[in-house]
Amino acid sequence: MKDLFILRHAKSSWSDPFLDDFERPLNKRGKQACVDIGQWLNKQNITPELVLCSPAKRAKDTWKRVKKEQITYGKKKFVSSLYLASPSELLNLIKKIPAKVSSLMLIGHNPGMHELILQLVNTKALNSEQTQDLQHIINKFPTTGFAQIQFNVQNWVDVAPLTGKLYRMMLPSLLATQGEQPL
């Protein structure tokens, strides 16, 4: 069994119109969303063995703030190919992960992250709650959105479209509307 955790970077600031996209920092709402989702991840006992993060400032800052909420993880690497990666580029990266790694977290950008989730999840294997969760993602995978997809494989190279099961997801807006207290 392999667990893939997908986390989209938090909301970034557009206050400086001359700032390069790669260098955009988080805005106030994004910083708070990192705390909220980080506390939820902690409560859910999400413990990736390997974290691969885009080196863009907003993605790095997302990881830095999320991990401050006491997220347990193994190794972390900044991977330049995650910056604005397409779904096929993301899948190729996943397939290169060593088999000994059982849980992987990707922190990156849309539209690639959103499209990857939609390509990997086998909709025929979902229960009604998971179908509802997937519908939230289909509608929009917003900043600081999180999804966990499980694969019944021994090796990451065997991960392919429509082979994953959406195990759980969370969006910052759902934390607020469900009245969920992160901790």
N, C-alpha and C. Protein backbone atom coordinates (compact mmCIF):
# COMPACT_ATOMS: atom_id res chain seq x y z
N MET A 1 0.84 -1.18 0.00
CA MET A 1 0.00 0.00 0.00
C MET A 1 0.89 1.24 0.00
N LYS A 2 0.56 2.19 -0.85
CA LYS A 2 1.28 3.46 -0.93
C LYS A 2 0.28 4.60 -0.69
N ASP A 3 0.72 5.58 0.09
CA ASP A 3 -0.09 6.77 0.37
C ASP A 3 0.55 7.98 -0.28
N LEU A 4 -0.23 8.67 -1.10
CA LEU A 4 0.20 9.91 -1.73
C LEU A 4 -0.59 11.05 -1.11
N PHE A 5 0.13 11.99 -0.52
CA PHE A 5 -0.48 13.19 0.06
C PHE A 5 -0.18 14.35 -0.88
N ILE A 6 -1.22 15.05 -1.28
CA ILE A 6 -1.07 16.19 -2.18
C ILE A 6 -1.52 17.44 -1.44
N LEU A 7 -0.63 18.42 -1.37
CA LEU A 7 -0.93 19.68 -0.70
C LEU A 7 -0.61 20.82 -1.66
N ARG A 8 -1.63 21.60 -1.97
CA ARG A 8 -1.40 22.78 -2.81
C ARG A 8 -0.88 23.90 -1.92
N HIS A 9 0.02 24.70 -2.44
CA HIS A 9 0.56 25.82 -1.66
C HIS A 9 -0.56 26.73 -1.19
N ALA A 10 -0.30 27.49 -0.14
CA ALA A 10 -1.28 28.42 0.42
C ALA A 10 -1.41 29.67 -0.45
N LYS A 11 -2.41 30.46 -0.13
CA LYS A 11 -2.73 31.68 -0.88
C LYS A 11 -1.54 32.65 -0.85
N SER A 12 -1.16 33.12 -2.02
CA SER A 12 0.00 34.02 -2.12
C SER A 12 -0.43 35.46 -2.34
N SER A 13 0.51 36.33 -2.12
CA SER A 13 0.26 37.77 -2.23
C SER A 13 0.52 38.24 -3.66
N TRP A 14 -0.34 39.12 -4.12
CA TRP A 14 -0.17 39.77 -5.42
C TRP A 14 0.05 41.27 -5.22
N SER A 15 0.46 41.67 -4.03
CA SER A 15 0.58 43.09 -3.71
C SER A 15 1.69 43.79 -4.50
N ASP A 16 2.69 43.07 -4.93
CA ASP A 16 3.78 43.65 -5.71
C ASP A 16 3.66 43.14 -7.15
N PRO A 17 3.11 43.95 -8.05
CA PRO A 17 2.89 43.49 -9.42
C PRO A 17 4.18 43.24 -10.21
N PHE A 18 5.31 43.71 -9.70
CA PHE A 18 6.58 43.53 -10.41
C PHE A 18 7.37 42.33 -9.89
N LEU A 19 6.87 41.70 -8.85
CA LEU A 19 7.57 40.55 -8.27
C LEU A 19 7.41 39.34 -9.18
N ASP A 20 8.49 38.64 -9.42
CA ASP A 20 8.46 37.42 -10.22
C ASP A 20 7.55 36.39 -9.56
N ASP A 21 6.80 35.65 -10.36
CA ASP A 21 5.86 34.64 -9.86
C ASP A 21 6.53 33.69 -8.87
N PHE A 22 7.73 33.27 -9.17
CA PHE A 22 8.46 32.31 -8.33
C PHE A 22 8.71 32.85 -6.92
N GLU A 23 8.79 34.16 -6.79
CA GLU A 23 9.16 34.81 -5.53
C GLU A 23 7.97 35.31 -4.71
N ARG A 24 6.73 35.08 -5.17
CA ARG A 24 5.58 35.60 -4.44
C ARG A 24 5.46 34.96 -3.05
N PRO A 25 5.32 35.77 -2.00
CA PRO A 25 5.17 35.24 -0.63
C PRO A 25 3.70 34.92 -0.34
N LEU A 26 3.46 34.35 0.82
CA LEU A 26 2.09 34.10 1.26
C LEU A 26 1.45 35.39 1.75
N ASN A 27 0.15 35.47 1.57
CA ASN A 27 -0.57 36.61 2.15
C ASN A 27 -1.09 36.20 3.54
N LYS A 28 -1.77 37.12 4.21
CA LYS A 28 -2.23 36.87 5.57
C LYS A 28 -3.17 35.66 5.63
N ARG A 29 -4.11 35.59 4.69
CA ARG A 29 -5.04 34.46 4.66
C ARG A 29 -4.32 33.14 4.43
N GLY A 30 -3.31 33.16 3.57
CA GLY A 30 -2.53 31.96 3.31
C GLY A 30 -1.76 31.49 4.53
N LYS A 31 -1.21 32.42 5.27
CA LYS A 31 -0.47 32.07 6.49
C LYS A 31 -1.40 31.40 7.51
N GLN A 32 -2.60 31.93 7.66
CA GLN A 32 -3.56 31.34 8.60
C GLN A 32 -4.02 29.97 8.12
N ALA A 33 -4.23 29.83 6.82
CA ALA A 33 -4.65 28.53 6.27
C ALA A 33 -3.59 27.46 6.53
N CYS A 34 -2.31 27.84 6.50
CA CYS A 34 -1.24 26.88 6.81
C CYS A 34 -1.35 26.38 8.24
N VAL A 35 -1.63 27.27 9.16
CA VAL A 35 -1.82 26.88 10.56
C VAL A 35 -3.00 25.92 10.67
N ASP A 36 -4.12 26.30 10.06
CA ASP A 36 -5.34 25.50 10.16
C ASP A 36 -5.16 24.10 9.57
N ILE A 37 -4.63 24.04 8.36
CA ILE A 37 -4.46 22.73 7.71
C ILE A 37 -3.35 21.94 8.40
N GLY A 38 -2.32 22.62 8.89
CA GLY A 38 -1.25 21.94 9.62
C GLY A 38 -1.77 21.29 10.90
N GLN A 39 -2.61 21.99 11.62
CA GLN A 39 -3.20 21.42 12.83
C GLN A 39 -4.10 20.24 12.49
N TRP A 40 -4.85 20.36 11.40
CA TRP A 40 -5.71 19.24 10.98
C TRP A 40 -4.86 18.04 10.57
N LEU A 41 -3.78 18.26 9.82
CA LEU A 41 -2.89 17.16 9.41
C LEU A 41 -2.31 16.47 10.64
N ASN A 42 -1.92 17.26 11.63
CA ASN A 42 -1.39 16.70 12.88
C ASN A 42 -2.45 15.84 13.55
N LYS A 43 -3.65 16.36 13.65
CA LYS A 43 -4.75 15.63 14.29
C LYS A 43 -5.07 14.32 13.55
N GLN A 44 -4.90 14.34 12.24
CA GLN A 44 -5.16 13.15 11.42
C GLN A 44 -3.97 12.19 11.40
N ASN A 45 -2.88 12.58 12.06
CA ASN A 45 -1.66 11.77 12.11
C ASN A 45 -1.08 11.50 10.72
N ILE A 46 -1.07 12.53 9.90
CA ILE A 46 -0.47 12.44 8.57
C ILE A 46 1.05 12.52 8.75
N THR A 47 1.75 11.45 8.37
CA THR A 47 3.20 11.37 8.60
C THR A 47 3.92 10.90 7.33
N PRO A 48 4.15 11.81 6.40
CA PRO A 48 4.85 11.39 5.17
C PRO A 48 6.30 11.02 5.44
N GLU A 49 6.73 9.94 4.80
CA GLU A 49 8.13 9.55 4.90
C GLU A 49 9.02 10.45 4.06
N LEU A 50 8.45 10.95 2.96
CA LEU A 50 9.21 11.81 2.07
C LEU A 50 8.31 12.97 1.65
N VAL A 51 8.84 14.17 1.75
CA VAL A 51 8.14 15.38 1.32
C VAL A 51 8.94 15.98 0.17
N LEU A 52 8.28 16.13 -0.97
CA LEU A 52 8.88 16.80 -2.11
C LEU A 52 8.12 18.10 -2.32
N CYS A 53 8.85 19.20 -2.31
CA CYS A 53 8.23 20.53 -2.34
C CYS A 53 8.79 21.36 -3.48
N SER A 54 7.93 22.09 -4.14
CA SER A 54 8.36 23.07 -5.13
C SER A 54 9.27 24.10 -4.44
N PRO A 55 10.29 24.57 -5.13
CA PRO A 55 11.16 25.58 -4.52
C PRO A 55 10.61 27.01 -4.61
N ALA A 56 9.43 27.19 -5.20
CA ALA A 56 8.83 28.52 -5.25
C ALA A 56 8.59 29.00 -3.82
N LYS A 57 8.77 30.28 -3.59
CA LYS A 57 8.67 30.85 -2.24
C LYS A 57 7.36 30.49 -1.57
N ARG A 58 6.24 30.58 -2.27
CA ARG A 58 4.94 30.31 -1.65
C ARG A 58 4.79 28.85 -1.24
N ALA A 59 5.40 27.93 -1.99
CA ALA A 59 5.35 26.51 -1.63
C ALA A 59 6.27 26.23 -0.44
N LYS A 60 7.49 26.77 -0.48
CA LYS A 60 8.43 26.59 0.63
C LYS A 60 7.86 27.17 1.93
N ASP A 61 7.25 28.36 1.84
CA ASP A 61 6.67 28.97 3.02
C ASP A 61 5.47 28.17 3.54
N THR A 62 4.71 27.58 2.62
CA THR A 62 3.59 26.72 3.03
C THR A 62 4.12 25.57 3.86
N TRP A 63 5.13 24.87 3.35
CA TRP A 63 5.69 23.74 4.08
C TRP A 63 6.25 24.18 5.44
N LYS A 64 6.99 25.29 5.45
CA LYS A 64 7.59 25.77 6.69
C LYS A 64 6.52 26.02 7.75
N ARG A 65 5.42 26.64 7.36
CA ARG A 65 4.36 26.95 8.32
C ARG A 65 3.55 25.72 8.71
N VAL A 66 3.30 24.82 7.77
CA VAL A 66 2.55 23.60 8.08
C VAL A 66 3.33 22.73 9.05
N LYS A 67 4.62 22.55 8.80
CA LYS A 67 5.41 21.66 9.66
C LYS A 67 5.58 22.23 11.07
N LYS A 68 5.40 23.54 11.25
CA LYS A 68 5.45 24.13 12.59
C LYS A 68 4.32 23.61 13.48
N GLU A 69 3.31 23.02 12.86
CA GLU A 69 2.18 22.47 13.62
C GLU A 69 2.45 21.03 14.06
N GLN A 70 3.74 20.71 14.18
CA GLN A 70 4.21 19.43 14.71
C GLN A 70 3.91 18.24 13.79
N ILE A 71 4.01 18.47 12.50
CA ILE A 71 3.85 17.39 11.53
C ILE A 71 5.11 16.51 11.60
N THR A 72 4.91 15.23 11.73
CA THR A 72 6.02 14.28 11.72
C THR A 72 6.28 13.86 10.28
N TYR A 73 7.53 13.89 9.89
CA TYR A 73 7.89 13.50 8.53
C TYR A 73 9.31 12.95 8.51
N GLY A 74 9.64 12.27 7.43
CA GLY A 74 10.98 11.71 7.27
C GLY A 74 11.90 12.72 6.63
N LYS A 75 12.12 12.57 5.32
CA LYS A 75 13.02 13.48 4.60
C LYS A 75 12.21 14.50 3.81
N LYS A 76 12.85 15.65 3.55
CA LYS A 76 12.25 16.71 2.74
C LYS A 76 13.25 17.13 1.68
N LYS A 77 12.74 17.34 0.47
CA LYS A 77 13.59 17.83 -0.62
C LYS A 77 12.82 18.87 -1.42
N PHE A 78 13.54 19.92 -1.84
CA PHE A 78 12.97 20.87 -2.77
C PHE A 78 13.33 20.40 -4.18
N VAL A 79 12.31 20.28 -5.02
CA VAL A 79 12.49 19.69 -6.36
C VAL A 79 12.03 20.71 -7.40
N SER A 80 12.98 21.20 -8.18
CA SER A 80 12.66 22.27 -9.14
C SER A 80 11.59 21.87 -10.15
N SER A 81 11.53 20.59 -10.51
CA SER A 81 10.54 20.16 -11.51
C SER A 81 9.10 20.23 -10.99
N LEU A 82 8.91 20.44 -9.69
CA LEU A 82 7.55 20.58 -9.16
C LEU A 82 6.95 21.96 -9.44
N TYR A 83 7.79 22.93 -9.75
CA TYR A 83 7.28 24.28 -10.02
C TYR A 83 6.45 24.26 -11.30
N LEU A 84 5.14 24.48 -11.15
CA LEU A 84 4.18 24.53 -12.25
C LEU A 84 4.19 23.25 -13.10
N ALA A 85 4.44 22.11 -12.48
CA ALA A 85 4.50 20.83 -13.18
C ALA A 85 3.13 20.41 -13.72
N SER A 86 3.16 19.75 -14.85
CA SER A 86 1.94 19.18 -15.44
C SER A 86 1.61 17.87 -14.73
N PRO A 87 0.41 17.35 -14.90
CA PRO A 87 0.08 16.06 -14.27
C PRO A 87 1.01 14.94 -14.73
N SER A 88 1.38 14.92 -16.00
CA SER A 88 2.27 13.85 -16.47
C SER A 88 3.66 13.99 -15.87
N GLU A 89 4.13 15.22 -15.69
CA GLU A 89 5.43 15.42 -15.04
C GLU A 89 5.37 14.97 -13.58
N LEU A 90 4.26 15.27 -12.92
CA LEU A 90 4.10 14.84 -11.52
C LEU A 90 4.06 13.32 -11.43
N LEU A 91 3.32 12.69 -12.33
CA LEU A 91 3.24 11.22 -12.30
C LEU A 91 4.60 10.60 -12.57
N ASN A 92 5.36 11.15 -13.49
CA ASN A 92 6.71 10.64 -13.76
C ASN A 92 7.60 10.76 -12.52
N LEU A 93 7.46 11.86 -11.80
CA LEU A 93 8.22 12.05 -10.55
C LEU A 93 7.82 11.00 -9.52
N ILE A 94 6.53 10.77 -9.37
CA ILE A 94 6.02 9.76 -8.41
C ILE A 94 6.58 8.39 -8.75
N LYS A 95 6.60 8.03 -10.01
CA LYS A 95 7.06 6.70 -10.44
C LYS A 95 8.54 6.46 -10.13
N LYS A 96 9.30 7.53 -9.87
CA LYS A 96 10.73 7.41 -9.57
C LYS A 96 11.02 7.26 -8.08
N ILE A 97 9.99 7.31 -7.25
CA ILE A 97 10.19 7.21 -5.81
C ILE A 97 10.57 5.77 -5.46
N PRO A 98 11.57 5.57 -4.62
CA PRO A 98 11.96 4.21 -4.23
C PRO A 98 10.82 3.45 -3.55
N ALA A 99 10.76 2.17 -3.80
CA ALA A 99 9.69 1.32 -3.27
C ALA A 99 9.67 1.31 -1.75
N LYS A 100 10.83 1.52 -1.11
CA LYS A 100 10.87 1.48 0.35
C LYS A 100 10.09 2.63 0.99
N VAL A 101 9.81 3.70 0.24
CA VAL A 101 9.03 4.83 0.74
C VAL A 101 7.55 4.45 0.63
N SER A 102 6.85 4.43 1.75
CA SER A 102 5.43 4.05 1.69
C SER A 102 4.50 5.25 1.64
N SER A 103 4.97 6.44 2.04
CA SER A 103 4.11 7.62 2.01
C SER A 103 4.89 8.83 1.50
N LEU A 104 4.29 9.51 0.55
CA LEU A 104 4.92 10.63 -0.15
C LEU A 104 3.99 11.83 -0.11
N MET A 105 4.54 13.01 0.20
CA MET A 105 3.78 14.25 0.12
C MET A 105 4.38 15.13 -0.97
N LEU A 106 3.51 15.61 -1.87
CA LEU A 106 3.90 16.59 -2.88
C LEU A 106 3.30 17.93 -2.50
N ILE A 107 4.10 18.98 -2.54
CA ILE A 107 3.62 20.34 -2.29
C ILE A 107 3.93 21.15 -3.54
N GLY A 108 2.87 21.59 -4.19
CA GLY A 108 3.07 22.27 -5.46
C GLY A 108 1.93 23.16 -5.86
N HIS A 109 1.67 23.19 -7.17
CA HIS A 109 0.85 24.23 -7.78
C HIS A 109 -0.25 23.65 -8.66
N ASN A 110 -1.28 24.44 -8.84
CA ASN A 110 -2.30 24.15 -9.84
C ASN A 110 -1.88 24.77 -11.16
N PRO A 111 -2.38 24.27 -12.26
CA PRO A 111 -3.42 23.26 -12.38
C PRO A 111 -2.94 21.82 -12.27
N GLY A 112 -1.63 21.62 -12.25
CA GLY A 112 -1.08 20.26 -12.25
C GLY A 112 -1.55 19.38 -11.11
N MET A 113 -1.55 19.93 -9.88
CA MET A 113 -1.95 19.13 -8.72
C MET A 113 -3.41 18.71 -8.83
N HIS A 114 -4.26 19.65 -9.20
CA HIS A 114 -5.69 19.38 -9.34
C HIS A 114 -5.93 18.30 -10.39
N GLU A 115 -5.33 18.48 -11.54
CA GLU A 115 -5.51 17.53 -12.64
C GLU A 115 -4.94 16.15 -12.30
N LEU A 116 -3.84 16.11 -11.56
CA LEU A 116 -3.26 14.83 -11.15
C LEU A 116 -4.25 14.04 -10.30
N ILE A 117 -4.85 14.70 -9.32
CA ILE A 117 -5.83 14.02 -8.47
C ILE A 117 -6.94 13.43 -9.32
N LEU A 118 -7.48 14.22 -10.22
CA LEU A 118 -8.59 13.76 -11.05
C LEU A 118 -8.19 12.60 -11.96
N GLN A 119 -6.94 12.58 -12.39
CA GLN A 119 -6.47 11.48 -13.24
C GLN A 119 -6.22 10.19 -12.45
N LEU A 120 -5.78 10.32 -11.20
CA LEU A 120 -5.38 9.13 -10.43
C LEU A 120 -6.54 8.41 -9.77
N VAL A 121 -7.58 9.14 -9.36
CA VAL A 121 -8.65 8.54 -8.57
C VAL A 121 -9.60 7.71 -9.44
N ASN A 122 -9.80 6.47 -9.00
CA ASN A 122 -10.76 5.58 -9.64
C ASN A 122 -12.14 5.86 -9.05
N THR A 123 -12.98 6.54 -9.79
CA THR A 123 -14.29 6.95 -9.27
C THR A 123 -15.21 5.77 -9.00
N LYS A 124 -14.97 4.65 -9.61
CA LYS A 124 -15.82 3.46 -9.40
C LYS A 124 -15.57 2.80 -8.05
N ALA A 125 -14.47 3.15 -7.40
CA ALA A 125 -14.11 2.51 -6.12
C ALA A 125 -14.45 3.38 -4.92
N LEU A 126 -15.26 4.43 -5.12
CA LEU A 126 -15.55 5.36 -4.04
C LEU A 126 -16.88 5.07 -3.36
N ASN A 127 -16.90 5.27 -2.05
CA ASN A 127 -18.18 5.22 -1.34
C ASN A 127 -18.85 6.59 -1.46
N SER A 128 -20.02 6.76 -0.88
CA SER A 128 -20.76 8.01 -1.06
C SER A 128 -20.03 9.21 -0.45
N GLU A 129 -19.38 9.03 0.70
CA GLU A 129 -18.64 10.13 1.32
C GLU A 129 -17.44 10.52 0.45
N GLN A 130 -16.74 9.53 -0.07
CA GLN A 130 -15.59 9.81 -0.92
C GLN A 130 -16.02 10.47 -2.23
N THR A 131 -17.19 10.07 -2.74
CA THR A 131 -17.73 10.69 -3.95
C THR A 131 -18.01 12.16 -3.69
N GLN A 132 -18.56 12.47 -2.53
CA GLN A 132 -18.83 13.86 -2.15
C GLN A 132 -17.51 14.63 -2.01
N ASP A 133 -16.50 14.00 -1.39
CA ASP A 133 -15.19 14.64 -1.27
C ASP A 133 -14.59 14.93 -2.64
N LEU A 134 -14.69 13.95 -3.54
CA LEU A 134 -14.15 14.14 -4.89
C LEU A 134 -14.89 15.27 -5.60
N GLN A 135 -16.19 15.38 -5.37
CA GLN A 135 -16.95 16.47 -6.00
C GLN A 135 -16.43 17.84 -5.55
N HIS A 136 -16.06 17.96 -4.28
CA HIS A 136 -15.45 19.20 -3.81
C HIS A 136 -14.18 19.50 -4.60
N ILE A 137 -13.36 18.47 -4.82
CA ILE A 137 -12.11 18.65 -5.55
C ILE A 137 -12.38 18.96 -7.02
N ILE A 138 -13.34 18.28 -7.61
CA ILE A 138 -13.68 18.55 -9.02
C ILE A 138 -14.07 20.01 -9.18
N ASN A 139 -14.88 20.51 -8.26
CA ASN A 139 -15.33 21.90 -8.34
C ASN A 139 -14.15 22.87 -8.25
N LYS A 140 -13.23 22.58 -7.34
CA LYS A 140 -12.07 23.45 -7.18
C LYS A 140 -11.12 22.82 -6.17
N PHE A 141 -9.84 22.79 -6.50
CA PHE A 141 -8.81 22.38 -5.55
C PHE A 141 -8.07 23.66 -5.17
N PRO A 142 -8.57 24.33 -4.13
CA PRO A 142 -8.07 25.67 -3.80
C PRO A 142 -6.70 25.64 -3.13
N THR A 143 -6.17 26.83 -2.93
CA THR A 143 -4.92 26.95 -2.19
C THR A 143 -5.08 26.29 -0.83
N THR A 144 -4.04 25.64 -0.39
CA THR A 144 -3.95 24.87 0.86
C THR A 144 -4.90 23.68 0.87
N GLY A 145 -5.37 23.27 -0.30
CA GLY A 145 -6.17 22.05 -0.39
C GLY A 145 -5.29 20.83 -0.18
N PHE A 146 -5.87 19.80 0.43
CA PHE A 146 -5.14 18.56 0.74
C PHE A 146 -5.95 17.36 0.26
N ALA A 147 -5.27 16.38 -0.30
CA ALA A 147 -5.90 15.12 -0.67
C ALA A 147 -4.95 13.97 -0.36
N GLN A 148 -5.51 12.87 0.09
CA GLN A 148 -4.74 11.65 0.30
C GLN A 148 -5.30 10.58 -0.61
N ILE A 149 -4.44 10.03 -1.44
CA ILE A 149 -4.82 8.97 -2.37
C ILE A 149 -4.02 7.73 -2.03
N GLN A 150 -4.72 6.60 -1.90
CA GLN A 150 -4.05 5.34 -1.59
C GLN A 150 -4.01 4.46 -2.84
N PHE A 151 -2.91 3.73 -2.95
CA PHE A 151 -2.71 2.83 -4.08
C PHE A 151 -2.38 1.44 -3.53
N ASN A 152 -3.04 0.45 -4.05
CA ASN A 152 -2.79 -0.93 -3.63
C ASN A 152 -1.69 -1.51 -4.52
N VAL A 153 -0.48 -0.96 -4.35
CA VAL A 153 0.69 -1.38 -5.11
C VAL A 153 1.88 -1.50 -4.16
N GLN A 154 2.89 -2.23 -4.57
CA GLN A 154 4.12 -2.35 -3.79
C GLN A 154 5.16 -1.34 -4.21
N ASN A 155 5.08 -0.90 -5.46
CA ASN A 155 6.09 0.01 -6.02
C ASN A 155 5.42 1.23 -6.62
N TRP A 156 6.04 2.37 -6.44
CA TRP A 156 5.50 3.62 -6.98
C TRP A 156 5.43 3.60 -8.50
N VAL A 157 6.31 2.83 -9.13
CA VAL A 157 6.31 2.75 -10.59
C VAL A 157 4.98 2.20 -11.12
N ASP A 158 4.23 1.50 -10.27
CA ASP A 158 2.95 0.92 -10.67
C ASP A 158 1.77 1.87 -10.51
N VAL A 159 2.01 3.05 -9.96
CA VAL A 159 0.93 4.04 -9.85
C VAL A 159 0.58 4.50 -11.27
N ALA A 160 -0.70 4.49 -11.57
CA ALA A 160 -1.17 4.84 -12.91
C ALA A 160 -2.54 5.52 -12.80
N PRO A 161 -2.96 6.18 -13.87
CA PRO A 161 -4.29 6.80 -13.85
C PRO A 161 -5.37 5.78 -13.48
N LEU A 162 -6.33 6.26 -12.71
CA LEU A 162 -7.51 5.50 -12.29
C LEU A 162 -7.19 4.30 -11.39
N THR A 163 -6.03 4.31 -10.74
CA THR A 163 -5.68 3.19 -9.84
C THR A 163 -5.72 3.59 -8.37
N GLY A 164 -6.01 4.85 -8.08
CA GLY A 164 -5.99 5.33 -6.71
C GLY A 164 -7.37 5.41 -6.09
N LYS A 165 -7.37 5.37 -4.77
CA LYS A 165 -8.60 5.53 -4.00
C LYS A 165 -8.46 6.82 -3.18
N LEU A 166 -9.42 7.73 -3.34
CA LEU A 166 -9.41 8.95 -2.54
C LEU A 166 -9.75 8.56 -1.11
N TYR A 167 -8.75 8.60 -0.25
CA TYR A 167 -8.94 8.17 1.13
C TYR A 167 -9.54 9.29 1.98
N ARG A 168 -9.01 10.50 1.82
CA ARG A 168 -9.55 11.66 2.53
C ARG A 168 -9.04 12.92 1.88
N MET A 169 -9.74 14.00 2.18
CA MET A 169 -9.34 15.31 1.68
C MET A 169 -9.78 16.35 2.67
N MET A 170 -9.18 17.54 2.55
CA MET A 170 -9.62 18.66 3.37
C MET A 170 -9.27 19.94 2.64
N LEU A 171 -10.20 20.87 2.74
CA LEU A 171 -10.01 22.21 2.19
C LEU A 171 -10.17 23.19 3.33
N PRO A 172 -9.42 24.28 3.34
CA PRO A 172 -9.54 25.24 4.43
C PRO A 172 -10.98 25.71 4.64
N SER A 173 -11.71 25.89 3.56
CA SER A 173 -13.11 26.34 3.69
C SER A 173 -13.97 25.30 4.40
N LEU A 174 -13.67 24.02 4.22
CA LEU A 174 -14.44 22.97 4.89
C LEU A 174 -14.13 22.94 6.39
N LEU A 175 -12.89 23.22 6.75
CA LEU A 175 -12.56 23.30 8.17
C LEU A 175 -13.43 24.36 8.83
N ALA A 176 -13.61 25.48 8.14
CA ALA A 176 -14.40 26.58 8.71
C ALA A 176 -15.89 26.26 8.71
N THR A 177 -16.42 25.71 7.60
CA THR A 177 -17.86 25.48 7.51
C THR A 177 -18.31 24.30 8.35
N GLN A 178 -17.43 23.34 8.58
CA GLN A 178 -17.78 22.20 9.41
C GLN A 178 -17.59 22.53 10.90
N GLY A 179 -17.05 23.71 11.15
CA GLY A 179 -16.83 24.10 12.53
C GLY A 179 -15.78 23.24 13.19
N GLU A 180 -14.96 22.59 12.39
CA GLU A 180 -13.92 21.71 12.93
C GLU A 180 -12.84 22.54 13.60
N GLN A 181 -12.51 22.17 14.77
CA GLN A 181 -11.40 22.80 15.47
C GLN A 181 -10.17 21.97 15.17
N PRO A 182 -9.16 22.56 14.52
CA PRO A 182 -7.99 21.78 14.13
C PRO A 182 -7.37 21.00 15.27
N LEU A 183 -7.30 21.54 16.45
CA LEU A 183 -6.77 20.79 17.62
C LEU A 183 -7.49 21.22 18.85
